[in-house]
């Protein structure tokens, strides 16, 4: 049984009854100067690379690995130790952070005998990839057998949030595991413990439902404004601070107007997250019609318009094609 309390920073933390976390007691990082901690960072792509840079800037020792080593090598210039294998990266690490493509990618590493042998007893593995809640709970159970703690901590905020260290970080797990990890997470954004294991991923699915549907609504609004003769930038300014305002309106509305669809959040990732959302909803016997519809449209953008590697604000182009506009896809 967990109870929620509000800390001085206004964030919700969830505590457990005494005695429920005996396996986690005695972890040697409590009370240690956190910048002395060593972090293994696995996955240094569009999101992972700037997140690793922020950890380095905060003073942590960071050991990085990526399947394509070329994406990890530039981090050496910021002080990271570039490793040739996941087991080399996790050796001696107090925290292991993964930002990989999906849960299968994490499990292939986590299930490796070489990685299991290299993991430090008492370490914490923080899964920051977007995976299914069931996968997060499997990770927790697997790592507990190895004497390693686990948090699922997916992120939102795109590459801009990763670069500025302002990511929304939704964390699932036990409070005794979360609290020592807070300084690490705060180097990358704003962590909030939202519930037990798997809850972080559930929060991310809710986030992606809101993001996907809102992108669809903003696309319709921008198209209406353009075709009706209003200035979309001026309208976004007029709406700023009003009930319809949002980060998606301001940032992605601008992308749509300027036709800038360089990936901050790839459309193929949006489809993956919406697939996970709908699978979880089905397991709860829920029907989410708006999420289903926007998932169909994102899939069309990816499959029929080769938009998988373009930013998810590119759904605007799918809307133009839906309306039979000649410049759709540009």
C-alpha atoms as a PDB file:
ATOM      1  CA  UNK A   1       0.000   0.000   0.000  1.00  0.00           C
ATOM      2  CA  UNK A   2       1.357   3.433  -0.890  1.00  0.00           C
ATOM      3  CA  UNK A   3       0.537   6.871   0.448  1.00  0.00           C
ATOM      4  CA  UNK A   4       1.058  10.161  -1.368  1.00  0.00           C
ATOM      5  CA  UNK A   5       2.738  13.144   0.249  1.00  0.00           C
ATOM      6  CA  UNK A   6       3.603  16.548  -1.185  1.00  0.00           C
ATOM      7  CA  UNK A   7       7.209  17.585  -0.737  1.00  0.00           C
ATOM      8  CA  UNK A   8       8.519  21.143  -0.418  1.00  0.00           C
ATOM      9  CA  UNK A   9       9.099  21.345  -4.156  1.00  0.00           C
ATOM     10  CA  UNK A  10       5.409  20.741  -4.806  1.00  0.00           C
ATOM     11  CA  UNK A  11       5.956  17.360  -6.432  1.00  0.00           C
ATOM     12  CA  UNK A  12       3.966  14.300  -5.456  1.00  0.00           C
ATOM     13  CA  UNK A  13       5.976  11.493  -3.910  1.00  0.00           C
ATOM     14  CA  UNK A  14       4.586   8.090  -3.016  1.00  0.00           C
ATOM     15  CA  UNK A  15       5.750   6.357   0.129  1.00  0.00           C
ATOM     16  CA  UNK A  16       5.392   2.739   1.197  1.00  0.00           C
ATOM     17  CA  UNK A  17       4.709   1.138   4.541  1.00  0.00           C
ATOM     18  CA  UNK A  18       7.799   0.478   6.582  1.00  0.00           C
ATOM     19  CA  UNK A  19       9.380  -2.867   5.837  1.00  0.00           C
ATOM     20  CA  UNK A  20       8.150  -3.139   2.245  1.00  0.00           C
ATOM     21  CA  UNK A  21      11.508  -2.158   0.775  1.00  0.00           C
ATOM     22  CA  UNK A  22      13.918  -4.275   2.769  1.00  0.00           C
ATOM     23  CA  UNK A  23      15.824  -5.390  -0.333  1.00  0.00           C
ATOM     24  CA  UNK A  24      16.597  -1.748  -1.193  1.00  0.00           C
ATOM     25  CA  UNK A  25      17.914  -0.756   2.225  1.00  0.00           C
ATOM     26  CA  UNK A  26      21.585  -0.096   2.692  1.00  0.00           C
ATOM     27  CA  UNK A  27      22.125   1.171  -0.843  1.00  0.00           C
ATOM     28  CA  UNK A  28      25.498   2.868  -0.667  1.00  0.00           C
ATOM     29  CA  UNK A  29      24.485   6.018  -2.552  1.00  0.00           C
ATOM     30  CA  UNK A  30      22.305   7.473   0.178  1.00  0.00           C
ATOM     31  CA  UNK A  31      24.319  10.260   1.755  1.00  0.00           C
ATOM     32  CA  UNK A  32      27.063  10.076  -0.877  1.00  0.00           C
ATOM     33  CA  UNK A  33      27.965  13.238  -2.778  1.00  0.00           C
ATOM     34  CA  UNK A  34      25.918  12.619  -5.893  1.00  0.00           C
ATOM     35  CA  UNK A  35      28.411  14.083  -8.346  1.00  0.00           C
ATOM     36  CA  UNK A  36      30.748  11.270  -7.266  1.00  0.00           C
ATOM     37  CA  UNK A  37      28.296   8.785  -8.756  1.00  0.00           C
ATOM     38  CA  UNK A  38      29.174   7.046 -12.001  1.00  0.00           C
ATOM     39  CA  UNK A  39      26.451   6.806 -14.630  1.00  0.00           C
ATOM     40  CA  UNK A  40      26.255   4.374 -17.524  1.00  0.00           C
ATOM     41  CA  UNK A  41      24.261   5.920 -20.366  1.00  0.00           C
ATOM     42  CA  UNK A  42      23.082   3.497 -23.049  1.00  0.00           C
ATOM     43  CA  UNK A  43      21.608   5.051 -26.182  1.00  0.00           C
ATOM     44  CA  UNK A  44      22.993   8.401 -27.338  1.00  0.00           C
ATOM     45  CA  UNK A  45      20.685   9.339 -30.189  1.00  0.00           C
ATOM     46  CA  UNK A  46      18.649  12.520 -30.679  1.00  0.00           C
ATOM     47  CA  UNK A  47      17.460  12.539 -27.061  1.00  0.00           C
ATOM     48  CA  UNK A  48      20.188  10.586 -25.303  1.00  0.00           C
ATOM     49  CA  UNK A  49      23.164  12.644 -26.448  1.00  0.00           C
ATOM     50  CA  UNK A  50      21.985  15.989 -25.004  1.00  0.00           C
ATOM     51  CA  UNK A  51      20.784  14.242 -21.849  1.00  0.00           C
ATOM     52  CA  UNK A  52      24.240  12.737 -21.368  1.00  0.00           C
ATOM     53  CA  UNK A  53      25.822  16.147 -21.944  1.00  0.00           C
ATOM     54  CA  UNK A  54      23.674  17.623 -19.174  1.00  0.00           C
ATOM     55  CA  UNK A  55      24.765  14.884 -16.780  1.00  0.00           C
ATOM     56  CA  UNK A  56      28.391  15.642 -17.616  1.00  0.00           C
ATOM     57  CA  UNK A  57      27.790  19.360 -17.123  1.00  0.00           C
ATOM     58  CA  UNK A  58      26.339  18.576 -13.687  1.00  0.00           C
ATOM     59  CA  UNK A  59      29.598  16.904 -12.709  1.00  0.00           C
ATOM     60  CA  UNK A  60      28.721  13.218 -13.010  1.00  0.00           C
ATOM     61  CA  UNK A  61      31.154  10.681 -14.420  1.00  0.00           C
ATOM     62  CA  UNK A  62      29.394   9.267 -17.481  1.00  0.00           C
ATOM     63  CA  UNK A  63      30.212   6.089 -19.405  1.00  0.00           C
ATOM     64  CA  UNK A  64      28.372   6.010 -22.740  1.00  0.00           C
ATOM     65  CA  UNK A  65      27.522   3.326 -25.265  1.00  0.00           C
ATOM     66  CA  UNK A  66      25.500   3.321 -28.467  1.00  0.00           C
ATOM     67  CA  UNK A  67      24.891   0.616 -31.056  1.00  0.00           C
ATOM     68  CA  UNK A  68      26.265   2.996 -33.675  1.00  0.00           C
ATOM     69  CA  UNK A  69      29.459   4.093 -31.919  1.00  0.00           C
ATOM     70  CA  UNK A  70      29.737   7.194 -34.126  1.00  0.00           C
ATOM     71  CA  UNK A  71      26.814   8.734 -32.206  1.00  0.00           C
ATOM     72  CA  UNK A  72      28.612   8.257 -28.890  1.00  0.00           C
ATOM     73  CA  UNK A  73      32.127   9.389 -29.868  1.00  0.00           C
ATOM     74  CA  UNK A  74      31.374  13.171 -29.847  1.00  0.00           C
ATOM     75  CA  UNK A  75      30.514  12.921 -26.136  1.00  0.00           C
ATOM     76  CA  UNK A  76      34.173  12.208 -25.403  1.00  0.00           C
ATOM     77  CA  UNK A  77      34.770  15.881 -26.075  1.00  0.00           C
ATOM     78  CA  UNK A  78      32.520  16.708 -23.128  1.00  0.00           C
ATOM     79  CA  UNK A  79      34.311  14.317 -20.791  1.00  0.00           C
ATOM     80  CA  UNK A  80      32.405  11.065 -21.303  1.00  0.00           C
ATOM     81  CA  UNK A  81      34.126   7.703 -21.441  1.00  0.00           C
ATOM     82  CA  UNK A  82      33.024   6.022 -24.668  1.00  0.00           C
ATOM     83  CA  UNK A  83      32.595   2.250 -24.281  1.00  0.00           C
ATOM     84  CA  UNK A  84      32.581  -0.451 -26.928  1.00  0.00           C
ATOM     85  CA  UNK A  85      29.922  -2.642 -25.294  1.00  0.00           C
ATOM     86  CA  UNK A  86      27.009  -2.340 -22.849  1.00  0.00           C
ATOM     87  CA  UNK A  87      28.807  -4.488 -20.278  1.00  0.00           C
ATOM     88  CA  UNK A  88      31.833  -2.176 -20.400  1.00  0.00           C
ATOM     89  CA  UNK A  89      29.568   0.836 -19.878  1.00  0.00           C
ATOM     90  CA  UNK A  90      27.703  -0.593 -16.875  1.00  0.00           C
ATOM     91  CA  UNK A  91      30.855  -1.816 -15.120  1.00  0.00           C
ATOM     92  CA  UNK A  92      31.215   0.118 -11.867  1.00  0.00           C
ATOM     93  CA  UNK A  93      28.163   2.289 -12.584  1.00  0.00           C
ATOM     94  CA  UNK A  94      25.956   3.423  -9.719  1.00  0.00           C
ATOM     95  CA  UNK A  95      23.156   4.294 -12.136  1.00  0.00           C
ATOM     96  CA  UNK A  96      22.386   2.804 -15.537  1.00  0.00           C
ATOM     97  CA  UNK A  97      20.216   4.925 -17.841  1.00  0.00           C
ATOM     98  CA  UNK A  98      18.694   3.579 -21.050  1.00  0.00           C
ATOM     99  CA  UNK A  99      17.190   5.703 -23.843  1.00  0.00           C
ATOM    100  CA  UNK A 100      16.629   3.080 -26.515  1.00  0.00           C
ATOM    101  CA  UNK A 101      14.111   2.516 -29.289  1.00  0.00           C
ATOM    102  CA  UNK A 102      11.753   0.222 -27.363  1.00  0.00           C
ATOM    103  CA  UNK A 103      11.424  -2.282 -24.549  1.00  0.00           C
ATOM    104  CA  UNK A 104      12.766  -5.138 -26.656  1.00  0.00           C
ATOM    105  CA  UNK A 105      16.014  -3.238 -27.189  1.00  0.00           C
ATOM    106  CA  UNK A 106      16.411  -2.700 -23.440  1.00  0.00           C
ATOM    107  CA  UNK A 107      15.557  -6.309 -22.603  1.00  0.00           C
ATOM    108  CA  UNK A 108      18.128  -7.624 -25.074  1.00  0.00           C
ATOM    109  CA  UNK A 109      20.800  -5.746 -23.121  1.00  0.00           C
ATOM    110  CA  UNK A 110      19.361  -6.297 -19.665  1.00  0.00           C
ATOM    111  CA  UNK A 111      19.022 -10.020 -20.299  1.00  0.00           C
ATOM    112  CA  UNK A 112      22.635 -10.412 -21.403  1.00  0.00           C
ATOM    113  CA  UNK A 113      24.716 -12.612 -19.102  1.00  0.00           C
ATOM    114  CA  UNK A 114      27.704 -10.313 -19.655  1.00  0.00           C
ATOM    115  CA  UNK A 115      25.716  -7.271 -18.555  1.00  0.00           C
ATOM    116  CA  UNK A 116      24.289  -9.125 -15.544  1.00  0.00           C
ATOM    117  CA  UNK A 117      27.807 -10.070 -14.449  1.00  0.00           C
ATOM    118  CA  UNK A 118      29.048  -6.496 -14.865  1.00  0.00           C
ATOM    119  CA  UNK A 119      26.232  -4.769 -12.965  1.00  0.00           C
ATOM    120  CA  UNK A 120      27.185  -3.317  -9.594  1.00  0.00           C
ATOM    121  CA  UNK A 121      25.194  -4.687  -6.681  1.00  0.00           C
ATOM    122  CA  UNK A 122      22.996  -1.922  -5.268  1.00  0.00           C
ATOM    123  CA  UNK A 123      22.982   0.061  -8.505  1.00  0.00           C
ATOM    124  CA  UNK A 124      19.794   1.550  -9.957  1.00  0.00           C
ATOM    125  CA  UNK A 125      18.694   1.027 -13.556  1.00  0.00           C
ATOM    126  CA  UNK A 126      16.579   3.925 -14.863  1.00  0.00           C
ATOM    127  CA  UNK A 127      14.575   3.053 -17.962  1.00  0.00           C
ATOM    128  CA  UNK A 128      13.968   6.360 -19.763  1.00  0.00           C
ATOM    129  CA  UNK A 129      12.898   4.753 -23.038  1.00  0.00           C
ATOM    130  CA  UNK A 130       9.182   4.591 -23.834  1.00  0.00           C
ATOM    131  CA  UNK A 131       8.194   0.970 -23.166  1.00  0.00           C
ATOM    132  CA  UNK A 132       5.032  -0.870 -22.209  1.00  0.00           C
ATOM    133  CA  UNK A 133       4.030  -0.830 -18.527  1.00  0.00           C
ATOM    134  CA  UNK A 134       4.231  -4.643 -18.521  1.00  0.00           C
ATOM    135  CA  UNK A 135       7.790  -4.435 -19.867  1.00  0.00           C
ATOM    136  CA  UNK A 136       8.721  -1.991 -17.109  1.00  0.00           C
ATOM    137  CA  UNK A 137       7.441  -4.374 -14.472  1.00  0.00           C
ATOM    138  CA  UNK A 138       9.340  -7.271 -16.061  1.00  0.00           C
ATOM    139  CA  UNK A 139      12.510  -5.183 -15.901  1.00  0.00           C
ATOM    140  CA  UNK A 140      11.920  -4.467 -12.210  1.00  0.00           C
ATOM    141  CA  UNK A 141      11.445  -8.141 -11.396  1.00  0.00           C
ATOM    142  CA  UNK A 142      14.458  -9.246 -13.459  1.00  0.00           C
ATOM    143  CA  UNK A 143      16.770  -6.667 -11.913  1.00  0.00           C
ATOM    144  CA  UNK A 144      15.576  -7.345  -8.363  1.00  0.00           C
ATOM    145  CA  UNK A 145      16.899 -10.889  -8.756  1.00  0.00           C
ATOM    146  CA  UNK A 146      20.302  -9.355  -9.581  1.00  0.00           C
ATOM    147  CA  UNK A 147      20.287  -7.026  -6.556  1.00  0.00           C
ATOM    148  CA  UNK A 148      19.707  -3.974  -8.764  1.00  0.00           C
ATOM    149  CA  UNK A 149      16.919  -1.428  -8.229  1.00  0.00           C
ATOM    150  CA  UNK A 150      14.721  -0.109 -11.020  1.00  0.00           C
ATOM    151  CA  UNK A 151      12.769   2.980 -12.011  1.00  0.00           C
ATOM    152  CA  UNK A 152      10.767   3.502 -15.179  1.00  0.00           C
ATOM    153  CA  UNK A 153      11.170   7.161 -16.064  1.00  0.00           C
ATOM    154  CA  UNK A 154      10.028   8.036 -19.591  1.00  0.00           C
ATOM    155  CA  UNK A 155      10.375  11.594 -20.788  1.00  0.00           C
ATOM    156  CA  UNK A 156       8.536  14.287 -22.694  1.00  0.00           C
ATOM    157  CA  UNK A 157       9.792  17.572 -24.096  1.00  0.00           C
ATOM    158  CA  UNK A 158      11.516  16.612 -27.323  1.00  0.00           C
ATOM    159  CA  UNK A 159      15.046  17.478 -28.305  1.00  0.00           C
ATOM    160  CA  UNK A 160      14.579  21.052 -27.104  1.00  0.00           C
ATOM    161  CA  UNK A 161      13.766  19.817 -23.600  1.00  0.00           C
ATOM    162  CA  UNK A 162      16.669  17.365 -23.730  1.00  0.00           C
ATOM    163  CA  UNK A 163      19.090  20.121 -24.707  1.00  0.00           C
ATOM    164  CA  UNK A 164      17.927  22.595 -22.074  1.00  0.00           C
ATOM    165  CA  UNK A 165      17.581  20.030 -19.273  1.00  0.00           C
ATOM    166  CA  UNK A 166      13.879  20.791 -18.925  1.00  0.00           C
ATOM    167  CA  UNK A 167      12.346  17.405 -19.727  1.00  0.00           C
ATOM    168  CA  UNK A 168       9.176  16.237 -18.012  1.00  0.00           C
ATOM    169  CA  UNK A 169      10.231  12.984 -16.314  1.00  0.00           C
ATOM    170  CA  UNK A 170       7.411  10.667 -15.209  1.00  0.00           C
ATOM    171  CA  UNK A 171       8.757   8.135 -12.728  1.00  0.00           C
ATOM    172  CA  UNK A 172       7.343   4.810 -11.617  1.00  0.00           C
ATOM    173  CA  UNK A 173       8.866   2.897  -8.715  1.00  0.00           C
ATOM    174  CA  UNK A 174       9.413   2.892  -4.984  1.00  0.00           C
ATOM    175  CA  UNK A 175      10.144   6.094  -3.079  1.00  0.00           C
ATOM    176  CA  UNK A 176      13.257   4.561  -1.461  1.00  0.00           C
ATOM    177  CA  UNK A 177      14.702   4.001  -4.942  1.00  0.00           C
ATOM    178  CA  UNK A 178      13.463   7.301  -6.364  1.00  0.00           C
ATOM    179  CA  UNK A 179      14.865   9.673  -3.730  1.00  0.00           C
ATOM    180  CA  UNK A 180      18.576   8.833  -4.223  1.00  0.00           C
ATOM    181  CA  UNK A 181      18.080   9.145  -7.994  1.00  0.00           C
ATOM    182  CA  UNK A 182      16.511  12.617  -7.853  1.00  0.00           C
ATOM    183  CA  UNK A 183      19.800  14.568  -8.278  1.00  0.00           C
ATOM    184  CA  UNK A 184      20.616  12.492 -11.359  1.00  0.00           C
ATOM    185  CA  UNK A 185      17.179  13.009 -12.857  1.00  0.00           C
ATOM    186  CA  UNK A 186      17.151  16.720 -12.017  1.00  0.00           C
ATOM    187  CA  UNK A 187      20.234  17.205 -14.213  1.00  0.00           C
ATOM    188  CA  UNK A 188      17.990  16.303 -17.153  1.00  0.00           C
ATOM    189  CA  UNK A 189      14.633  17.758 -16.175  1.00  0.00           C
ATOM    190  CA  UNK A 190      11.803  17.746 -13.668  1.00  0.00           C
ATOM    191  CA  UNK A 191      11.193  14.312 -12.136  1.00  0.00           C
ATOM    192  CA  UNK A 192       7.900  13.442 -10.469  1.00  0.00           C
ATOM    193  CA  UNK A 193       7.147  10.069  -8.910  1.00  0.00           C
ATOM    194  CA  UNK A 194       3.680   9.186 -10.218  1.00  0.00           C
ATOM    195  CA  UNK A 195       3.149   5.772  -8.664  1.00  0.00           C
ATOM    196  CA  UNK A 196       4.525   2.216  -8.434  1.00  0.00           C
ATOM    197  CA  UNK A 197       6.486   0.364 -11.101  1.00  0.00           C
ATOM    198  CA  UNK A 198       4.987   0.785 -14.564  1.00  0.00           C
ATOM    199  CA  UNK A 199       3.201   4.021 -13.637  1.00  0.00           C
ATOM    200  CA  UNK A 200       5.819   6.169 -15.347  1.00  0.00           C
ATOM    201  CA  UNK A 201       5.153   4.358 -18.606  1.00  0.00           C
ATOM    202  CA  UNK A 202       1.395   4.627 -18.082  1.00  0.00           C
ATOM    203  CA  UNK A 203       1.830   8.383 -17.592  1.00  0.00           C
ATOM    204  CA  UNK A 204       3.854   8.541 -20.813  1.00  0.00           C
ATOM    205  CA  UNK A 205       1.057   6.779 -22.691  1.00  0.00           C
ATOM    206  CA  UNK A 206      -1.410   9.360 -21.359  1.00  0.00           C
ATOM    207  CA  UNK A 207       1.055  12.071 -22.384  1.00  0.00           C
ATOM    208  CA  UNK A 208       1.299  10.674 -25.912  1.00  0.00           C
ATOM    209  CA  UNK A 209      -2.480  10.506 -26.240  1.00  0.00           C
ATOM    210  CA  UNK A 210      -2.663  14.197 -25.332  1.00  0.00           C
ATOM    211  CA  UNK A 211       0.259  15.085 -27.609  1.00  0.00           C
ATOM    212  CA  UNK A 212      -1.028  13.128 -30.606  1.00  0.00           C
ATOM    213  CA  UNK A 213      -4.597  14.409 -30.414  1.00  0.00           C
ATOM    214  CA  UNK A 214      -3.436  17.974 -29.751  1.00  0.00           C
ATOM    215  CA  UNK A 215      -1.092  17.925 -32.750  1.00  0.00           C
ATOM    216  CA  UNK A 216      -4.085  16.890 -34.839  1.00  0.00           C
ATOM    217  CA  UNK A 217      -6.162  19.774 -33.470  1.00  0.00           C
ATOM    218  CA  UNK A 218      -3.368  22.323 -33.950  1.00  0.00           C
ATOM    219  CA  UNK A 219      -2.839  21.115 -37.526  1.00  0.00           C
ATOM    220  CA  UNK A 220      -6.514  21.710 -38.286  1.00  0.00           C
ATOM    221  CA  UNK A 221      -6.368  25.166 -36.699  1.00  0.00           C
ATOM    222  CA  UNK A 222      -3.228  26.176 -38.640  1.00  0.00           C
ATOM    223  CA  UNK A 223      -4.718  24.959 -41.917  1.00  0.00           C
ATOM    224  CA  UNK A 224      -7.944  26.858 -41.256  1.00  0.00           C
ATOM    225  CA  UNK A 225      -6.011  30.055 -40.524  1.00  0.00           C
ATOM    226  CA  UNK A 226      -3.761  29.786 -43.569  1.00  0.00           C
ATOM    227  CA  UNK A 227      -6.555  29.017 -45.997  1.00  0.00           C
ATOM    228  CA  UNK A 228      -8.844  31.626 -44.456  1.00  0.00           C
ATOM    229  CA  UNK A 229      -6.274  34.407 -44.843  1.00  0.00           C
ATOM    230  CA  UNK A 230      -5.324  35.059 -41.197  1.00  0.00           C
ATOM    231  CA  UNK A 231      -1.721  35.297 -39.993  1.00  0.00           C
ATOM    232  CA  UNK A 232      -1.080  32.063 -38.041  1.00  0.00           C
ATOM    233  CA  UNK A 233       1.846  33.587 -36.122  1.00  0.00           C
ATOM    234  CA  UNK A 234      -0.279  36.545 -35.039  1.00  0.00           C
ATOM    235  CA  UNK A 235      -3.107  34.220 -33.973  1.00  0.00           C
ATOM    236  CA  UNK A 236      -0.705  32.111 -31.913  1.00  0.00           C
ATOM    237  CA  UNK A 237       0.417  35.318 -30.196  1.00  0.00           C
ATOM    238  CA  UNK A 238      -3.199  36.341 -29.599  1.00  0.00           C
ATOM    239  CA  UNK A 239      -3.966  32.967 -28.029  1.00  0.00           C
ATOM    240  CA  UNK A 240      -0.894  32.998 -25.782  1.00  0.00           C
ATOM    241  CA  UNK A 241      -1.958  32.650 -22.164  1.00  0.00           C
ATOM    242  CA  UNK A 242      -5.523  31.823 -23.130  1.00  0.00           C
ATOM    243  CA  UNK A 243      -7.398  28.579 -22.599  1.00  0.00           C
ATOM    244  CA  UNK A 244      -6.328  27.158 -25.969  1.00  0.00           C
ATOM    245  CA  UNK A 245      -2.641  27.927 -25.489  1.00  0.00           C
ATOM    246  CA  UNK A 246      -0.118  25.118 -25.198  1.00  0.00           C
ATOM    247  CA  UNK A 247       3.487  24.250 -25.938  1.00  0.00           C
ATOM    248  CA  UNK A 248       2.243  22.271 -28.918  1.00  0.00           C
ATOM    249  CA  UNK A 249       0.334  25.263 -30.278  1.00  0.00           C
ATOM    250  CA  UNK A 250       3.333  27.554 -29.936  1.00  0.00           C
ATOM    251  CA  UNK A 251       6.157  25.225 -30.985  1.00  0.00           C
ATOM    252  CA  UNK A 252       4.477  22.837 -33.391  1.00  0.00           C
ATOM    253  CA  UNK A 253       2.116  25.470 -34.765  1.00  0.00           C
ATOM    254  CA  UNK A 254       5.219  27.441 -35.741  1.00  0.00           C
ATOM    255  CA  UNK A 255       6.778  24.327 -37.283  1.00  0.00           C
ATOM    256  CA  UNK A 256       3.658  23.780 -39.372  1.00  0.00           C
ATOM    257  CA  UNK A 257       3.596  27.371 -40.590  1.00  0.00           C
ATOM    258  CA  UNK A 258       7.299  27.372 -41.429  1.00  0.00           C
ATOM    259  CA  UNK A 259       7.218  23.794 -42.844  1.00  0.00           C
ATOM    260  CA  UNK A 260      10.062  22.819 -40.520  1.00  0.00           C
ATOM    261  CA  UNK A 261       9.690  19.109 -39.881  1.00  0.00           C
ATOM    262  CA  UNK A 262      13.252  18.244 -38.881  1.00  0.00           C
ATOM    263  CA  UNK A 263      12.758  15.629 -36.175  1.00  0.00           C
ATOM    264  CA  UNK A 264      12.453  16.679 -32.571  1.00  0.00           C
ATOM    265  CA  UNK A 265      10.020  13.844 -31.942  1.00  0.00           C
ATOM    266  CA  UNK A 266       9.940  11.358 -34.815  1.00  0.00           C
ATOM    267  CA  UNK A 267       6.540  10.372 -36.220  1.00  0.00           C
ATOM    268  CA  UNK A 268       7.448   6.670 -36.185  1.00  0.00           C
ATOM    269  CA  UNK A 269       8.009   6.975 -32.421  1.00  0.00           C
ATOM    270  CA  UNK A 270       4.600   8.612 -32.054  1.00  0.00           C
ATOM    271  CA  UNK A 271       3.023   5.617 -33.829  1.00  0.00           C
ATOM    272  CA  UNK A 272       4.883   3.194 -31.546  1.00  0.00           C
ATOM    273  CA  UNK A 273       3.687   5.040 -28.457  1.00  0.00           C
ATOM    274  CA  UNK A 274       0.104   5.175 -29.708  1.00  0.00           C
ATOM    275  CA  UNK A 275       0.257   1.433 -30.431  1.00  0.00           C
ATOM    276  CA  UNK A 276       1.382   0.848 -26.840  1.00  0.00           C
ATOM    277  CA  UNK A 277      -1.374   3.154 -25.586  1.00  0.00           C
ATOM    278  CA  UNK A 278      -4.082   1.290 -27.494  1.00  0.00           C
ATOM    279  CA  UNK A 279      -2.730  -2.087 -26.395  1.00  0.00           C
ATOM    280  CA  UNK A 280      -2.808  -0.997 -22.760  1.00  0.00           C
ATOM    281  CA  UNK A 281      -6.310   0.449 -23.203  1.00  0.00           C
ATOM    282  CA  UNK A 282      -7.524  -2.834 -24.708  1.00  0.00           C
ATOM    283  CA  UNK A 283      -6.108  -4.736 -21.724  1.00  0.00           C
ATOM    284  CA  UNK A 284      -8.266  -2.486 -19.531  1.00  0.00           C
ATOM    285  CA  UNK A 285     -11.277  -3.025 -21.832  1.00  0.00           C
ATOM    286  CA  UNK A 286     -11.279   0.646 -22.860  1.00  0.00           C
ATOM    287  CA  UNK A 287     -12.032   2.133 -26.279  1.00  0.00           C
ATOM    288  CA  UNK A 288     -10.193   5.395 -27.075  1.00  0.00           C
ATOM    289  CA  UNK A 289     -11.679   6.606 -30.381  1.00  0.00           C
ATOM    290  CA  UNK A 290      -9.721   9.865 -30.721  1.00  0.00           C
ATOM    291  CA  UNK A 291      -6.426   8.085 -30.088  1.00  0.00           C
ATOM    292  CA  UNK A 292      -7.363   5.402 -32.608  1.00  0.00           C
ATOM    293  CA  UNK A 293      -8.132   7.989 -35.268  1.00  0.00           C
ATOM    294  CA  UNK A 294      -4.976  10.013 -34.788  1.00  0.00           C
ATOM    295  CA  UNK A 295      -2.923   6.809 -34.754  1.00  0.00           C
ATOM    296  CA  UNK A 296      -4.394   5.912 -38.158  1.00  0.00           C
ATOM    297  CA  UNK A 297      -3.405   9.324 -39.498  1.00  0.00           C
ATOM    298  CA  UNK A 298       0.140   9.149 -38.138  1.00  0.00           C
ATOM    299  CA  UNK A 299       0.498   5.675 -39.661  1.00  0.00           C
ATOM    300  CA  UNK A 300      -0.622   7.052 -43.021  1.00  0.00           C
ATOM    301  CA  UNK A 301       1.950   9.847 -42.749  1.00  0.00           C
ATOM    302  CA  UNK A 302       4.678   7.305 -41.986  1.00  0.00           C
ATOM    303  CA  UNK A 303       3.690   4.587 -44.451  1.00  0.00           C
ATOM    304  CA  UNK A 304       2.250   6.452 -47.418  1.00  0.00           C
ATOM    305  CA  UNK A 305       4.124   9.762 -47.193  1.00  0.00           C
ATOM    306  CA  UNK A 306       7.515   8.515 -45.942  1.00  0.00           C
ATOM    307  CA  UNK A 307       7.169  10.692 -42.865  1.00  0.00           C
ATOM    308  CA  UNK A 308       8.434   8.248 -40.247  1.00  0.00           C
ATOM    309  CA  UNK A 309      11.681  10.119 -39.653  1.00  0.00           C
ATOM    310  CA  UNK A 310      10.066  13.571 -39.832  1.00  0.00           C
ATOM    311  CA  UNK A 311       8.817  15.445 -36.784  1.00  0.00           C
ATOM    312  CA  UNK A 312       5.388  14.449 -35.514  1.00  0.00           C
ATOM    313  CA  UNK A 313       4.169  17.981 -36.253  1.00  0.00           C
ATOM    314  CA  UNK A 314       4.378  16.754 -39.856  1.00  0.00           C
ATOM    315  CA  UNK A 315       0.869  15.392 -39.313  1.00  0.00           C
ATOM    316  CA  UNK A 316      -0.024  18.781 -40.780  1.00  0.00           C
ATOM    317  CA  UNK A 317       1.169  17.479 -44.169  1.00  0.00           C
ATOM    318  CA  UNK A 318      -1.100  14.452 -43.855  1.00  0.00           C
ATOM    319  CA  UNK A 319      -3.990  16.861 -43.254  1.00  0.00           C
ATOM    320  CA  UNK A 320      -3.117  18.785 -46.402  1.00  0.00           C
ATOM    321  CA  UNK A 321      -3.075  15.535 -48.353  1.00  0.00           C
ATOM    322  CA  UNK A 322      -6.427  14.590 -46.828  1.00  0.00           C
ATOM    323  CA  UNK A 323      -7.729  17.864 -48.263  1.00  0.00           C
ATOM    324  CA  UNK A 324      -6.221  17.075 -51.691  1.00  0.00           C
ATOM    325  CA  UNK A 325      -3.839  20.030 -51.627  1.00  0.00           C
ATOM    326  CA  UNK A 326      -1.175  19.959 -54.307  1.00  0.00           C
ATOM    327  CA  UNK A 327       1.738  20.835 -52.006  1.00  0.00           C
ATOM    328  CA  UNK A 328       0.958  18.082 -49.489  1.00  0.00           C
ATOM    329  CA  UNK A 329       4.105  16.284 -48.401  1.00  0.00           C
ATOM    330  CA  UNK A 330       6.428  19.266 -48.784  1.00  0.00           C
END
